[in-house]
Amino acid sequence: MEKALEEAELKIKALNTLIDLAEEQLNIDIRKKSGAKQSLKQNKTILK
């Protein structure tokens, strides 16, 4: 069980590093900002 937790934490760290690098190199925001909400137009598009 402890080994699984260590592996999960390592995976999270690796994914966060990947996201950080992609955001920096591609100059885009990947992570959703806290408190950010989708516009009504986006919601309608998603629901179609």
PDB file of N, CA and C in Angstrom:
ATOM      1  N   MET A   1       0.832  -1.197   0.000  1.00  0.00           N
ATOM      2  CA  MET A   1       0.000   0.000   0.000  1.00  0.00           C
ATOM      3  C   MET A   1       0.875   1.259   0.000  1.00  0.00           C
ATOM      4  N   GLU A   2       1.936   1.231   0.785  1.00  0.00           N
ATOM      5  CA  GLU A   2       2.827   2.391   0.865  1.00  0.00           C
ATOM      6  C   GLU A   2       3.540   2.618  -0.467  1.00  0.00           C
ATOM      7  N   LYS A   3       3.902   1.523  -1.130  1.00  0.00           N
ATOM      8  CA  LYS A   3       4.572   1.632  -2.430  1.00  0.00           C
ATOM      9  C   LYS A   3       3.629   2.244  -3.467  1.00  0.00           C
ATOM     10  N   ALA A   4       2.370   1.872  -3.424  1.00  0.00           N
ATOM     11  CA  ALA A   4       1.386   2.429  -4.361  1.00  0.00           C
ATOM     12  C   ALA A   4       1.242   3.932  -4.147  1.00  0.00           C
ATOM     13  N   LEU A   5       1.260   4.365  -2.895  1.00  0.00           N
ATOM     14  CA  LEU A   5       1.165   5.789  -2.586  1.00  0.00           C
ATOM     15  C   LEU A   5       2.382   6.536  -3.122  1.00  0.00           C
ATOM     16  N   GLU A   6       3.563   5.969  -2.924  1.00  0.00           N
ATOM     17  CA  GLU A   6       4.788   6.590  -3.432  1.00  0.00           C
ATOM     18  C   GLU A   6       4.741   6.707  -4.957  1.00  0.00           C
ATOM     19  N   GLU A   7       4.257   5.653  -5.623  1.00  0.00           N
ATOM     20  CA  GLU A   7       4.164   5.676  -7.083  1.00  0.00           C
ATOM     21  C   GLU A   7       3.161   6.725  -7.553  1.00  0.00           C
ATOM     22  N   ALA A   8       2.040   6.847  -6.854  1.00  0.00           N
ATOM     23  CA  ALA A   8       1.022   7.837  -7.215  1.00  0.00           C
ATOM     24  C   ALA A   8       1.568   9.251  -7.045  1.00  0.00           C
ATOM     25  N   GLU A   9       2.296   9.482  -5.961  1.00  0.00           N
ATOM     26  CA  GLU A   9       2.877  10.805  -5.722  1.00  0.00           C
ATOM     27  C   GLU A   9       3.913  11.141  -6.790  1.00  0.00           C
ATOM     28  N   LEU A  10       4.705  10.157  -7.185  1.00  0.00           N
ATOM     29  CA  LEU A  10       5.707  10.358  -8.234  1.00  0.00           C
ATOM     30  C   LEU A  10       5.026  10.664  -9.570  1.00  0.00           C
ATOM     31  N   LYS A  11       3.935   9.956  -9.854  1.00  0.00           N
ATOM     32  CA  LYS A  11       3.189  10.192 -11.091  1.00  0.00           C
ATOM     33  C   LYS A  11       2.624  11.612 -11.120  1.00  0.00           C
ATOM     34  N   ILE A  12       2.075  12.056  -9.997  1.00  0.00           N
ATOM     35  CA  ILE A  12       1.527  13.415  -9.905  1.00  0.00           C
ATOM     36  C   ILE A  12       2.624  14.445 -10.146  1.00  0.00           C
ATOM     37  N   LYS A  13       3.781  14.219  -9.530  1.00  0.00           N
ATOM     38  CA  LYS A  13       4.900  15.150  -9.699  1.00  0.00           C
ATOM     39  C   LYS A  13       5.347  15.200 -11.162  1.00  0.00           C
ATOM     40  N   ALA A  14       5.413  14.039 -11.804  1.00  0.00           N
ATOM     41  CA  ALA A  14       5.826  13.980 -13.207  1.00  0.00           C
ATOM     42  C   ALA A  14       4.816  14.697 -14.104  1.00  0.00           C
ATOM     43  N   LEU A  15       3.526  14.469 -13.868  1.00  0.00           N
ATOM     44  CA  LEU A  15       2.494  15.118 -14.680  1.00  0.00           C
ATOM     45  C   LEU A  15       2.501  16.630 -14.482  1.00  0.00           C
ATOM     46  N   ASN A  16       2.686  17.076 -13.249  1.00  0.00           N
ATOM     47  CA  ASN A  16       2.755  18.514 -12.989  1.00  0.00           C
ATOM     48  C   ASN A  16       3.955  19.143 -13.692  1.00  0.00           C
ATOM     49  N   THR A  17       5.076  18.437 -13.699  1.00  0.00           N
ATOM     50  CA  THR A  17       6.267  18.922 -14.391  1.00  0.00           C
ATOM     51  C   THR A  17       6.007  19.017 -15.893  1.00  0.00           C
ATOM     52  N   LEU A  18       5.341  18.003 -16.442  1.00  0.00           N
ATOM     53  CA  LEU A  18       4.990  18.017 -17.865  1.00  0.00           C
ATOM     54  C   LEU A  18       4.100  19.204 -18.208  1.00  0.00           C
ATOM     55  N   ILE A  19       3.102  19.458 -17.373  1.00  0.00           N
ATOM     56  CA  ILE A  19       2.197  20.587 -17.599  1.00  0.00           C
ATOM     57  C   ILE A  19       2.957  21.900 -17.507  1.00  0.00           C
ATOM     58  N   ASP A  20       3.823  22.024 -16.499  1.00  0.00           N
ATOM     59  CA  ASP A  20       4.622  23.246 -16.346  1.00  0.00           C
ATOM     60  C   ASP A  20       5.459  23.514 -17.594  1.00  0.00           C
ATOM     61  N   LEU A  21       6.125  22.477 -18.089  1.00  0.00           N
ATOM     62  CA  LEU A  21       6.966  22.629 -19.276  1.00  0.00           C
ATOM     63  C   LEU A  21       6.139  22.992 -20.506  1.00  0.00           C
ATOM     64  N   ALA A  22       5.006  22.337 -20.684  1.00  0.00           N
ATOM     65  CA  ALA A  22       4.152  22.629 -21.837  1.00  0.00           C
ATOM     66  C   ALA A  22       3.634  24.061 -21.777  1.00  0.00           C
ATOM     67  N   GLU A  23       3.203  24.497 -20.592  1.00  0.00           N
ATOM     68  CA  GLU A  23       2.709  25.869 -20.451  1.00  0.00           C
ATOM     69  C   GLU A  23       3.807  26.875 -20.788  1.00  0.00           C
ATOM     70  N   GLU A  24       5.012  26.591 -20.318  1.00  0.00           N
ATOM     71  CA  GLU A  24       6.132  27.513 -20.550  1.00  0.00           C
ATOM     72  C   GLU A  24       6.549  27.530 -22.016  1.00  0.00           C
ATOM     73  N   GLN A  25       6.722  26.364 -22.609  1.00  0.00           N
ATOM     74  CA  GLN A  25       7.221  26.287 -23.978  1.00  0.00           C
ATOM     75  C   GLN A  25       6.185  26.696 -25.015  1.00  0.00           C
ATOM     76  N   LEU A  26       4.917  26.399 -24.752  1.00  0.00           N
ATOM     77  CA  LEU A  26       3.863  26.716 -25.719  1.00  0.00           C
ATOM     78  C   LEU A  26       3.169  28.032 -25.410  1.00  0.00           C
ATOM     79  N   ASN A  27       3.538  28.622 -24.272  1.00  0.00           N
ATOM     80  CA  ASN A  27       2.963  29.890 -23.837  1.00  0.00           C
ATOM     81  C   ASN A  27       1.427  29.845 -23.795  1.00  0.00           C
ATOM     82  N   ILE A  28       0.918  28.770 -23.163  1.00  0.00           N
ATOM     83  CA  ILE A  28      -0.531  28.611 -23.011  1.00  0.00           C
ATOM     84  C   ILE A  28      -0.847  28.227 -21.572  1.00  0.00           C
ATOM     85  N   ASP A  29      -2.081  28.465 -21.163  1.00  0.00           N
ATOM     86  CA  ASP A  29      -2.536  28.040 -19.844  1.00  0.00           C
ATOM     87  C   ASP A  29      -3.269  26.716 -19.995  1.00  0.00           C
ATOM     88  N   ILE A  30      -2.788  25.706 -19.319  1.00  0.00           N
ATOM     89  CA  ILE A  30      -3.424  24.393 -19.367  1.00  0.00           C
ATOM     90  C   ILE A  30      -4.290  24.185 -18.130  1.00  0.00           C
ATOM     91  N   ARG A  31      -3.757  24.566 -16.992  1.00  0.00           N
ATOM     92  CA  ARG A  31      -4.505  24.389 -15.745  1.00  0.00           C
ATOM     93  C   ARG A  31      -5.668  25.366 -15.688  1.00  0.00           C
ATOM     94  N   LYS A  32      -6.784  24.878 -15.183  1.00  0.00           N
ATOM     95  CA  LYS A  32      -7.958  25.724 -15.010  1.00  0.00           C
ATOM     96  C   LYS A  32      -7.706  26.617 -13.794  1.00  0.00           C
ATOM     97  N   LYS A  33      -7.950  27.876 -13.943  1.00  0.00           N
ATOM     98  CA  LYS A  33      -7.773  28.814 -12.834  1.00  0.00           C
ATOM     99  C   LYS A  33      -8.885  28.593 -11.818  1.00  0.00           C
ATOM    100  N   SER A  34      -8.559  28.648 -10.540  1.00  0.00           N
ATOM    101  CA  SER A  34      -9.593  28.465  -9.526  1.00  0.00           C
ATOM    102  C   SER A  34     -10.588  29.609  -9.604  1.00  0.00           C
ATOM    103  N   GLY A  35     -11.840  29.273  -9.527  1.00  0.00           N
ATOM    104  CA  GLY A  35     -12.888  30.278  -9.599  1.00  0.00           C
ATOM    105  C   GLY A  35     -13.281  30.631 -11.020  1.00  0.00           C
ATOM    106  N   ALA A  36     -12.558  30.093 -11.997  1.00  0.00           N
ATOM    107  CA  ALA A  36     -12.893  30.378 -13.393  1.00  0.00           C
ATOM    108  C   ALA A  36     -14.143  29.600 -13.772  1.00  0.00           C
ATOM    109  N   LYS A  37     -15.021  30.253 -14.502  1.00  0.00           N
ATOM    110  CA  LYS A  37     -16.253  29.603 -14.931  1.00  0.00           C
ATOM    111  C   LYS A  37     -16.361  29.684 -16.439  1.00  0.00           C
ATOM    112  N   GLN A  38     -16.978  28.648 -17.027  1.00  0.00           N
ATOM    113  CA  GLN A  38     -17.191  28.650 -18.461  1.00  0.00           C
ATOM    114  C   GLN A  38     -18.285  29.639 -18.807  1.00  0.00           C
ATOM    115  N   SER A  39     -18.147  30.217 -19.967  1.00  0.00           N
ATOM    116  CA  SER A  39     -19.189  31.133 -20.422  1.00  0.00           C
ATOM    117  C   SER A  39     -20.406  30.330 -20.851  1.00  0.00           C
ATOM    118  N   LEU A  40     -21.546  30.981 -20.905  1.00  0.00           N
ATOM    119  CA  LEU A  40     -22.781  30.331 -21.321  1.00  0.00           C
ATOM    120  C   LEU A  40     -22.635  29.798 -22.744  1.00  0.00           C
ATOM    121  N   LYS A  41     -21.953  30.549 -23.605  1.00  0.00           N
ATOM    122  CA  LYS A  41     -21.745  30.128 -24.987  1.00  0.00           C
ATOM    123  C   LYS A  41     -20.949  28.823 -25.033  1.00  0.00           C
ATOM    124  N   GLN A  42     -19.907  28.705 -24.211  1.00  0.00           N
ATOM    125  CA  GLN A  42     -19.110  27.486 -24.168  1.00  0.00           C
ATOM    126  C   GLN A  42     -19.952  26.316 -23.686  1.00  0.00           C
ATOM    127  N   ASN A  43     -20.775  26.534 -22.666  1.00  0.00           N
ATOM    128  CA  ASN A  43     -21.611  25.461 -22.140  1.00  0.00           C
ATOM    129  C   ASN A  43     -22.563  24.940 -23.202  1.00  0.00           C
ATOM    130  N   LYS A  44     -23.154  25.821 -23.992  1.00  0.00           N
ATOM    131  CA  LYS A  44     -24.076  25.407 -25.048  1.00  0.00           C
ATOM    132  C   LYS A  44     -23.341  24.595 -26.103  1.00  0.00           C
ATOM    133  N   THR A  45     -22.119  25.004 -26.436  1.00  0.00           N
ATOM    134  CA  THR A  45     -21.331  24.287 -27.432  1.00  0.00           C
ATOM    135  C   THR A  45     -20.988  22.896 -26.929  1.00  0.00           C
ATOM    136  N   ILE A  46     -20.631  22.781 -25.675  1.00  0.00           N
ATOM    137  CA  ILE A  46     -20.257  21.499 -25.091  1.00  0.00           C
ATOM    138  C   ILE A  46     -21.458  20.558 -25.057  1.00  0.00           C
ATOM    139  N   LEU A  47     -22.630  21.086 -24.777  1.00  0.00           N
ATOM    140  CA  LEU A  47     -23.821  20.260 -24.639  1.00  0.00           C
ATOM    141  C   LEU A  47     -24.358  19.753 -25.973  1.00  0.00           C
ATOM    142  N   LYS A  48     -23.972  20.375 -27.078  1.00  0.00           N
ATOM    143  CA  LYS A  48     -24.486  19.958 -28.396  1.00  0.00           C
ATOM    144  C   LYS A  48     -23.895  18.649 -28.840  1.00  0.00           C
TER     145      LYS A  48
END
